[in-house]
N, C-alpha and C. Protein backbone atom coordinates (compact mmCIF):
# COMPACT_ATOMS: atom_id res chain seq x y z
N UNK A 1 12.59 -0.45 13.30
CA UNK A 1 11.49 0.36 13.80
C UNK A 1 10.55 -0.52 14.61
N UNK A 2 10.21 -0.11 15.83
CA UNK A 2 9.33 -0.94 16.66
C UNK A 2 7.93 -1.07 16.05
N UNK A 3 7.27 -2.17 16.41
CA UNK A 3 5.91 -2.40 15.93
C UNK A 3 4.94 -1.45 16.62
N UNK A 4 3.86 -1.13 15.92
CA UNK A 4 2.79 -0.34 16.54
C UNK A 4 2.07 -1.24 17.54
N UNK A 5 1.25 -0.63 18.40
CA UNK A 5 0.48 -1.41 19.37
C UNK A 5 -0.36 -2.48 18.66
N UNK A 6 -1.03 -2.07 17.60
CA UNK A 6 -1.89 -2.99 16.85
C UNK A 6 -1.08 -4.14 16.26
N UNK A 7 0.07 -3.83 15.67
CA UNK A 7 0.92 -4.87 15.08
C UNK A 7 1.45 -5.82 16.15
N UNK A 8 1.81 -5.29 17.30
CA UNK A 8 2.31 -6.11 18.39
C UNK A 8 1.22 -7.07 18.90
N UNK A 9 0.01 -6.57 19.06
CA UNK A 9 -1.10 -7.42 19.50
C UNK A 9 -1.41 -8.47 18.44
N UNK A 10 -1.38 -8.09 17.16
CA UNK A 10 -1.61 -9.05 16.08
C UNK A 10 -0.54 -10.14 16.09
N UNK A 11 0.71 -9.76 16.35
CA UNK A 11 1.79 -10.74 16.43
C UNK A 11 1.54 -11.71 17.59
N UNK A 12 1.13 -11.18 18.73
CA UNK A 12 0.80 -12.02 19.89
C UNK A 12 -0.29 -13.02 19.52
N UNK A 13 -1.36 -12.56 18.87
CA UNK A 13 -2.46 -13.45 18.49
C UNK A 13 -2.00 -14.47 17.45
N UNK A 14 -1.14 -14.06 16.52
CA UNK A 14 -0.62 -14.99 15.52
C UNK A 14 0.17 -16.12 16.19
N UNK A 15 1.02 -15.77 17.14
CA UNK A 15 1.81 -16.79 17.85
C UNK A 15 0.88 -17.71 18.63
N UNK A 16 -0.12 -17.16 19.30
CA UNK A 16 -1.06 -17.98 20.06
C UNK A 16 -1.82 -18.93 19.12
N UNK A 17 -2.24 -18.41 17.97
CA UNK A 17 -2.99 -19.23 17.00
C UNK A 17 -2.12 -20.36 16.46
N UNK A 18 -0.90 -20.05 16.05
CA UNK A 18 0.00 -21.07 15.51
C UNK A 18 0.35 -22.10 16.58
N UNK A 19 0.58 -21.65 17.79
CA UNK A 19 0.88 -22.56 18.89
C UNK A 19 -0.29 -23.51 19.12
N UNK A 20 -1.50 -22.96 19.15
CA UNK A 20 -2.68 -23.79 19.35
C UNK A 20 -2.84 -24.79 18.20
N UNK A 21 -2.64 -24.36 16.96
CA UNK A 21 -2.77 -25.25 15.81
C UNK A 21 -1.77 -26.41 15.90
N UNK A 22 -0.54 -26.10 16.29
CA UNK A 22 0.48 -27.14 16.44
C UNK A 22 0.10 -28.11 17.56
N UNK A 23 -0.42 -27.58 18.65
CA UNK A 23 -0.82 -28.42 19.78
C UNK A 23 -1.94 -29.36 19.37
N UNK A 24 -2.93 -28.83 18.66
CA UNK A 24 -4.06 -29.66 18.21
C UNK A 24 -3.58 -30.71 17.20
N UNK A 25 -2.74 -30.29 16.27
CA UNK A 25 -2.24 -31.20 15.24
C UNK A 25 -1.43 -32.35 15.86
N UNK A 26 -0.71 -32.06 16.93
CA UNK A 26 0.15 -33.06 17.55
C UNK A 26 -0.53 -33.83 18.68
N UNK A 27 -1.79 -33.55 18.95
CA UNK A 27 -2.47 -34.21 20.06
C UNK A 27 -3.87 -34.61 19.63
N UNK A 28 -4.08 -35.90 19.39
CA UNK A 28 -5.38 -36.39 18.91
C UNK A 28 -6.52 -36.05 19.86
N UNK A 29 -6.27 -36.08 21.17
CA UNK A 29 -7.34 -35.80 22.14
C UNK A 29 -7.83 -34.37 21.97
N UNK A 30 -6.91 -33.44 21.72
CA UNK A 30 -7.32 -32.06 21.51
C UNK A 30 -8.01 -31.90 20.16
N UNK A 31 -7.51 -32.59 19.15
CA UNK A 31 -8.08 -32.46 17.81
C UNK A 31 -9.52 -32.93 17.78
N UNK A 32 -9.85 -33.99 18.54
CA UNK A 32 -11.22 -34.52 18.54
C UNK A 32 -12.19 -33.59 19.25
N UNK A 33 -11.75 -32.82 20.20
CA UNK A 33 -12.68 -31.98 20.95
C UNK A 33 -12.10 -30.61 21.22
N UNK A 34 -11.57 -29.97 20.20
CA UNK A 34 -10.84 -28.73 20.43
C UNK A 34 -11.72 -27.63 21.02
N UNK A 35 -13.00 -27.59 20.69
CA UNK A 35 -13.89 -26.59 21.27
C UNK A 35 -14.02 -26.78 22.78
N UNK A 36 -14.21 -28.03 23.19
CA UNK A 36 -14.31 -28.32 24.61
C UNK A 36 -12.96 -28.09 25.30
N UNK A 37 -11.88 -28.45 24.64
CA UNK A 37 -10.56 -28.23 25.22
C UNK A 37 -10.30 -26.74 25.42
N UNK A 38 -10.58 -25.96 24.40
CA UNK A 38 -10.39 -24.51 24.51
C UNK A 38 -11.19 -23.95 25.67
N UNK A 39 -12.43 -24.41 25.78
CA UNK A 39 -13.31 -23.92 26.84
C UNK A 39 -12.80 -24.36 28.21
N UNK A 40 -12.43 -25.63 28.34
CA UNK A 40 -11.90 -26.14 29.62
C UNK A 40 -10.65 -25.36 30.04
N UNK A 41 -9.72 -25.20 29.11
CA UNK A 41 -8.46 -24.55 29.45
C UNK A 41 -8.67 -23.07 29.72
N UNK A 42 -9.59 -22.44 29.02
CA UNK A 42 -9.90 -21.03 29.27
C UNK A 42 -10.50 -20.87 30.65
N UNK A 43 -11.47 -21.71 30.98
CA UNK A 43 -12.10 -21.63 32.30
C UNK A 43 -11.11 -21.94 33.42
N UNK A 44 -10.18 -22.85 33.17
CA UNK A 44 -9.22 -23.18 34.22
C UNK A 44 -8.29 -22.00 34.49
N UNK A 45 -8.08 -21.16 33.48
CA UNK A 45 -7.24 -19.99 33.67
C UNK A 45 -7.98 -18.80 34.24
N UNK A 46 -9.26 -18.69 33.91
CA UNK A 46 -10.05 -17.53 34.32
C UNK A 46 -10.78 -17.71 35.64
N UNK A 47 -11.23 -18.91 35.89
CA UNK A 47 -12.15 -19.13 37.00
C UNK A 47 -13.56 -18.83 36.53
N UNK A 48 -14.52 -18.74 37.44
CA UNK A 48 -15.91 -18.49 37.04
C UNK A 48 -16.03 -17.22 36.21
N UNK A 49 -16.82 -17.30 35.15
CA UNK A 49 -16.97 -16.18 34.22
C UNK A 49 -18.39 -16.21 33.67
N UNK A 50 -18.89 -15.05 33.28
CA UNK A 50 -20.24 -15.03 32.71
C UNK A 50 -20.23 -15.72 31.35
N UNK A 51 -21.35 -16.33 31.02
CA UNK A 51 -21.46 -17.03 29.75
C UNK A 51 -21.26 -16.05 28.59
N UNK A 52 -21.76 -14.84 28.75
CA UNK A 52 -21.61 -13.81 27.72
C UNK A 52 -20.14 -13.48 27.49
N UNK A 53 -19.39 -13.30 28.60
CA UNK A 53 -17.97 -12.98 28.50
C UNK A 53 -17.19 -14.15 27.91
N UNK A 54 -17.54 -15.37 28.30
CA UNK A 54 -16.86 -16.55 27.78
C UNK A 54 -17.04 -16.65 26.26
N UNK A 55 -18.24 -16.36 25.78
CA UNK A 55 -18.48 -16.37 24.33
C UNK A 55 -17.58 -15.36 23.63
N UNK A 56 -17.41 -14.18 24.23
CA UNK A 56 -16.54 -13.16 23.64
C UNK A 56 -15.09 -13.61 23.66
N UNK A 57 -14.65 -14.18 24.76
CA UNK A 57 -13.26 -14.63 24.87
C UNK A 57 -12.96 -15.74 23.86
N UNK A 58 -13.87 -16.69 23.73
CA UNK A 58 -13.67 -17.81 22.81
C UNK A 58 -13.99 -17.43 21.36
N UNK A 59 -14.61 -16.26 21.20
CA UNK A 59 -14.98 -15.75 19.88
C UNK A 59 -15.90 -16.73 19.15
N UNK A 60 -16.96 -17.14 19.87
CA UNK A 60 -17.98 -18.00 19.26
C UNK A 60 -19.36 -17.43 19.57
N UNK A 61 -20.31 -17.79 18.73
CA UNK A 61 -21.68 -17.31 18.90
C UNK A 61 -22.26 -17.86 20.19
N UNK A 62 -23.16 -17.11 20.78
CA UNK A 62 -23.80 -17.49 22.03
C UNK A 62 -24.50 -18.84 21.91
N UNK A 63 -25.18 -19.06 20.78
CA UNK A 63 -25.90 -20.33 20.59
C UNK A 63 -24.91 -21.50 20.52
N UNK A 64 -23.78 -21.29 19.86
CA UNK A 64 -22.76 -22.34 19.77
C UNK A 64 -22.17 -22.64 21.14
N UNK A 65 -21.93 -21.58 21.92
CA UNK A 65 -21.40 -21.79 23.26
C UNK A 65 -22.41 -22.53 24.12
N UNK A 66 -23.69 -22.19 24.02
CA UNK A 66 -24.72 -22.88 24.81
C UNK A 66 -24.73 -24.37 24.51
N UNK A 67 -24.60 -24.72 23.24
CA UNK A 67 -24.56 -26.13 22.85
C UNK A 67 -23.31 -26.81 23.42
N UNK A 68 -22.17 -26.15 23.30
CA UNK A 68 -20.91 -26.67 23.83
C UNK A 68 -20.99 -26.87 25.34
N UNK A 69 -21.50 -25.86 26.04
CA UNK A 69 -21.62 -25.95 27.50
C UNK A 69 -22.59 -27.03 27.92
N UNK A 70 -23.64 -27.24 27.15
CA UNK A 70 -24.59 -28.31 27.45
C UNK A 70 -23.90 -29.67 27.43
N UNK A 71 -23.04 -29.90 26.45
CA UNK A 71 -22.30 -31.16 26.37
C UNK A 71 -21.33 -31.29 27.55
N UNK A 72 -20.69 -30.19 27.88
CA UNK A 72 -19.73 -30.21 28.98
C UNK A 72 -20.43 -30.40 30.33
N UNK A 73 -21.60 -29.82 30.45
CA UNK A 73 -22.41 -29.96 31.67
C UNK A 73 -22.86 -31.42 31.83
N UNK A 74 -23.25 -32.04 30.72
CA UNK A 74 -23.68 -33.43 30.74
C UNK A 74 -22.54 -34.35 31.18
N UNK A 75 -21.31 -33.97 30.87
CA UNK A 75 -20.14 -34.76 31.28
C UNK A 75 -19.71 -34.45 32.71
N UNK A 76 -20.36 -33.46 33.32
CA UNK A 76 -20.03 -33.09 34.69
C UNK A 76 -18.80 -32.19 34.81
N UNK A 77 -18.42 -31.53 33.72
CA UNK A 77 -17.21 -30.70 33.72
C UNK A 77 -17.46 -29.26 34.14
N UNK A 78 -18.68 -28.78 33.93
CA UNK A 78 -18.98 -27.38 34.27
C UNK A 78 -20.31 -27.30 35.01
N UNK A 79 -20.49 -26.19 35.70
CA UNK A 79 -21.77 -25.89 36.34
C UNK A 79 -22.15 -24.47 35.93
N UNK A 80 -23.43 -24.28 35.62
CA UNK A 80 -23.93 -22.94 35.29
C UNK A 80 -24.88 -22.50 36.39
N UNK A 81 -24.67 -21.29 36.85
CA UNK A 81 -25.54 -20.71 37.88
C UNK A 81 -25.97 -19.33 37.42
N UNK A 82 -27.13 -18.86 37.84
CA UNK A 82 -27.56 -17.52 37.45
C UNK A 82 -26.54 -16.46 37.91
N UNK A 83 -26.31 -15.49 37.05
CA UNK A 83 -25.40 -14.39 37.38
C UNK A 83 -26.02 -13.61 38.54
N UNK A 84 -25.25 -13.31 39.58
CA UNK A 84 -25.82 -12.65 40.76
C UNK A 84 -26.35 -11.24 40.50
N UNK A 85 -25.82 -10.56 39.48
CA UNK A 85 -26.23 -9.18 39.22
C UNK A 85 -27.01 -8.99 37.93
N UNK A 86 -26.93 -9.98 37.03
CA UNK A 86 -27.57 -9.85 35.73
C UNK A 86 -28.35 -11.12 35.45
N UNK A 87 -29.63 -11.10 35.71
CA UNK A 87 -30.48 -12.28 35.55
C UNK A 87 -30.60 -12.76 34.12
N UNK A 88 -30.06 -12.01 33.16
CA UNK A 88 -30.16 -12.41 31.76
C UNK A 88 -29.06 -13.38 31.34
N UNK A 89 -28.09 -13.61 32.20
CA UNK A 89 -26.98 -14.47 31.83
C UNK A 89 -26.61 -15.41 32.98
N UNK A 90 -25.73 -16.33 32.69
CA UNK A 90 -25.28 -17.32 33.67
C UNK A 90 -23.79 -17.20 33.90
N UNK A 91 -23.37 -17.65 35.08
CA UNK A 91 -21.96 -17.79 35.39
C UNK A 91 -21.57 -19.24 35.08
N UNK A 92 -20.39 -19.42 34.52
CA UNK A 92 -19.91 -20.75 34.17
C UNK A 92 -18.65 -21.01 34.98
N UNK A 93 -18.59 -22.17 35.62
CA UNK A 93 -17.41 -22.54 36.42
C UNK A 93 -17.12 -24.02 36.23
N UNK A 94 -15.85 -24.37 36.34
CA UNK A 94 -15.46 -25.77 36.27
C UNK A 94 -15.86 -26.48 37.56
N UNK A 95 -16.30 -27.70 37.43
CA UNK A 95 -16.51 -28.57 38.58
C UNK A 95 -15.16 -29.23 38.90
N UNK A 96 -15.13 -30.02 39.97
CA UNK A 96 -13.89 -30.75 40.27
C UNK A 96 -13.51 -31.67 39.11
N UNK A 97 -14.53 -32.30 38.52
CA UNK A 97 -14.28 -33.16 37.35
C UNK A 97 -13.74 -32.37 36.18
N UNK A 98 -14.25 -31.16 35.98
CA UNK A 98 -13.77 -30.30 34.90
C UNK A 98 -12.34 -29.84 35.14
N UNK A 99 -12.02 -29.54 36.40
CA UNK A 99 -10.65 -29.14 36.73
C UNK A 99 -9.68 -30.29 36.45
N UNK A 100 -10.09 -31.51 36.80
CA UNK A 100 -9.24 -32.68 36.55
C UNK A 100 -9.05 -32.90 35.05
N UNK A 101 -10.13 -32.74 34.28
CA UNK A 101 -10.04 -32.92 32.83
C UNK A 101 -9.17 -31.83 32.21
N UNK A 102 -9.30 -30.60 32.68
CA UNK A 102 -8.45 -29.52 32.16
C UNK A 102 -6.99 -29.80 32.46
N UNK A 103 -6.71 -30.29 33.64
CA UNK A 103 -5.34 -30.63 34.02
C UNK A 103 -4.80 -31.75 33.14
N UNK A 104 -5.63 -32.75 32.90
CA UNK A 104 -5.23 -33.87 32.03
C UNK A 104 -4.91 -33.37 30.62
N UNK A 105 -5.77 -32.51 30.10
CA UNK A 105 -5.55 -31.99 28.75
C UNK A 105 -4.36 -31.04 28.70
N UNK A 106 -4.19 -30.25 29.74
CA UNK A 106 -3.05 -29.36 29.79
C UNK A 106 -1.76 -30.17 29.83
N UNK A 107 -1.75 -31.26 30.60
CA UNK A 107 -0.57 -32.12 30.69
C UNK A 107 -0.24 -32.74 29.35
N UNK A 108 -1.28 -33.11 28.60
CA UNK A 108 -1.03 -33.72 27.29
C UNK A 108 -0.49 -32.71 26.30
N UNK A 109 -0.64 -31.43 26.60
CA UNK A 109 -0.11 -30.39 25.73
C UNK A 109 1.25 -29.88 26.14
N UNK A 110 1.86 -30.53 27.15
CA UNK A 110 3.16 -30.06 27.64
C UNK A 110 4.24 -30.08 26.58
N UNK A 111 4.19 -31.04 25.65
CA UNK A 111 5.20 -31.08 24.59
C UNK A 111 5.15 -29.81 23.76
N UNK A 112 3.94 -29.32 23.48
CA UNK A 112 3.80 -28.09 22.71
C UNK A 112 4.34 -26.91 23.50
N UNK A 113 4.16 -26.92 24.82
CA UNK A 113 4.69 -25.84 25.65
C UNK A 113 6.20 -25.82 25.60
N UNK A 114 6.80 -26.99 25.71
CA UNK A 114 8.25 -27.09 25.66
C UNK A 114 8.75 -26.59 24.31
N UNK A 115 8.06 -26.99 23.25
CA UNK A 115 8.44 -26.57 21.90
C UNK A 115 8.35 -25.06 21.76
N UNK A 116 7.28 -24.46 22.26
CA UNK A 116 7.09 -23.02 22.17
C UNK A 116 8.17 -22.27 22.93
N UNK A 117 8.43 -22.68 24.15
CA UNK A 117 9.37 -21.95 25.00
C UNK A 117 10.83 -22.26 24.69
N UNK A 118 11.08 -23.28 23.87
CA UNK A 118 12.46 -23.61 23.49
C UNK A 118 13.11 -22.46 22.71
N UNK A 119 12.31 -21.59 22.15
CA UNK A 119 12.85 -20.46 21.39
C UNK A 119 13.42 -19.38 22.30
N UNK A 120 13.19 -19.46 23.61
CA UNK A 120 13.60 -18.42 24.55
C UNK A 120 14.73 -18.89 25.45
N UNK A 121 15.67 -17.99 25.71
CA UNK A 121 16.68 -18.30 26.72
C UNK A 121 16.08 -17.99 28.10
N UNK A 122 16.80 -18.29 29.16
CA UNK A 122 16.27 -18.14 30.52
C UNK A 122 15.84 -16.70 30.82
N UNK A 123 16.65 -15.74 30.41
CA UNK A 123 16.32 -14.32 30.64
C UNK A 123 15.04 -13.93 29.88
N UNK A 124 14.91 -14.37 28.66
CA UNK A 124 13.71 -14.07 27.87
C UNK A 124 12.48 -14.73 28.47
N UNK A 125 12.64 -15.94 28.99
CA UNK A 125 11.52 -16.63 29.65
C UNK A 125 11.03 -15.83 30.85
N UNK A 126 11.96 -15.32 31.65
CA UNK A 126 11.59 -14.52 32.82
C UNK A 126 10.87 -13.24 32.38
N UNK A 127 11.36 -12.59 31.33
CA UNK A 127 10.71 -11.38 30.82
C UNK A 127 9.32 -11.72 30.29
N UNK A 128 9.21 -12.82 29.58
CA UNK A 128 7.94 -13.25 29.02
C UNK A 128 6.93 -13.50 30.14
N UNK A 129 7.36 -14.17 31.19
CA UNK A 129 6.50 -14.42 32.35
C UNK A 129 6.04 -13.11 32.98
N UNK A 130 6.95 -12.18 33.16
CA UNK A 130 6.60 -10.88 33.76
C UNK A 130 5.59 -10.13 32.89
N UNK A 131 5.81 -10.14 31.60
CA UNK A 131 4.92 -9.43 30.68
C UNK A 131 3.53 -10.06 30.68
N UNK A 132 3.46 -11.38 30.54
CA UNK A 132 2.15 -12.05 30.52
C UNK A 132 1.44 -11.89 31.85
N UNK A 133 2.17 -11.96 32.95
CA UNK A 133 1.56 -11.77 34.27
C UNK A 133 0.99 -10.37 34.42
N UNK A 134 1.71 -9.38 33.92
CA UNK A 134 1.23 -7.99 33.99
C UNK A 134 -0.05 -7.82 33.17
N UNK A 135 -0.08 -8.42 31.99
CA UNK A 135 -1.28 -8.33 31.14
C UNK A 135 -2.46 -9.03 31.83
N UNK A 136 -2.21 -10.21 32.39
CA UNK A 136 -3.28 -10.95 33.08
C UNK A 136 -3.81 -10.15 34.26
N UNK A 137 -2.92 -9.58 35.07
CA UNK A 137 -3.37 -8.78 36.21
C UNK A 137 -4.20 -7.58 35.74
N UNK A 138 -3.77 -6.95 34.67
CA UNK A 138 -4.50 -5.79 34.12
C UNK A 138 -5.92 -6.20 33.73
N UNK A 139 -6.05 -7.32 33.03
CA UNK A 139 -7.38 -7.78 32.62
C UNK A 139 -8.23 -8.17 33.83
N UNK A 140 -7.62 -8.79 34.83
CA UNK A 140 -8.37 -9.14 36.04
C UNK A 140 -8.88 -7.88 36.74
N UNK A 141 -8.06 -6.85 36.80
CA UNK A 141 -8.47 -5.58 37.41
C UNK A 141 -9.62 -4.95 36.62
N UNK A 142 -9.51 -4.98 35.30
CA UNK A 142 -10.59 -4.46 34.46
C UNK A 142 -11.89 -5.21 34.71
N UNK A 143 -11.80 -6.54 34.81
CA UNK A 143 -13.00 -7.36 35.04
C UNK A 143 -13.60 -7.08 36.42
N UNK A 144 -12.77 -6.84 37.42
CA UNK A 144 -13.26 -6.54 38.76
C UNK A 144 -13.98 -5.20 38.81
N UNK A 145 -13.59 -4.28 37.96
CA UNK A 145 -14.18 -2.94 37.95
C UNK A 145 -15.42 -2.86 37.08
N UNK A 146 -15.83 -3.95 36.48
CA UNK A 146 -17.03 -3.95 35.62
C UNK A 146 -18.27 -4.00 36.43
């Protein structure tokens, strides 16, 4: 019997969580700064995003995100600018230094990527790519219509 929508989404989140835990456990650089790594890698995938939306995506309190972003800003990894339409929040974007750091951290996690995708044959990999791309496009369209 196929999974319900809720069960399927929970399975997706479980796999993402376990994959992330394995990546952190196997990579000291990620383990030491996993909050910053999560934020860097999320921003590198999303592009500029409102601070409010980033807090929701990372599932952390606004105050915790502000502290995290302050540290990242001090390192020159991110820039915060006032939101063009909502003066109550800021837009967060990676700087060139932040993009380089995200790339470095992503590269150090390549072993985990290989391990994760080793479970799929070539046909399954192509289907997985199509499915994830469709979901990403859907979310981008939703964000554009906000």
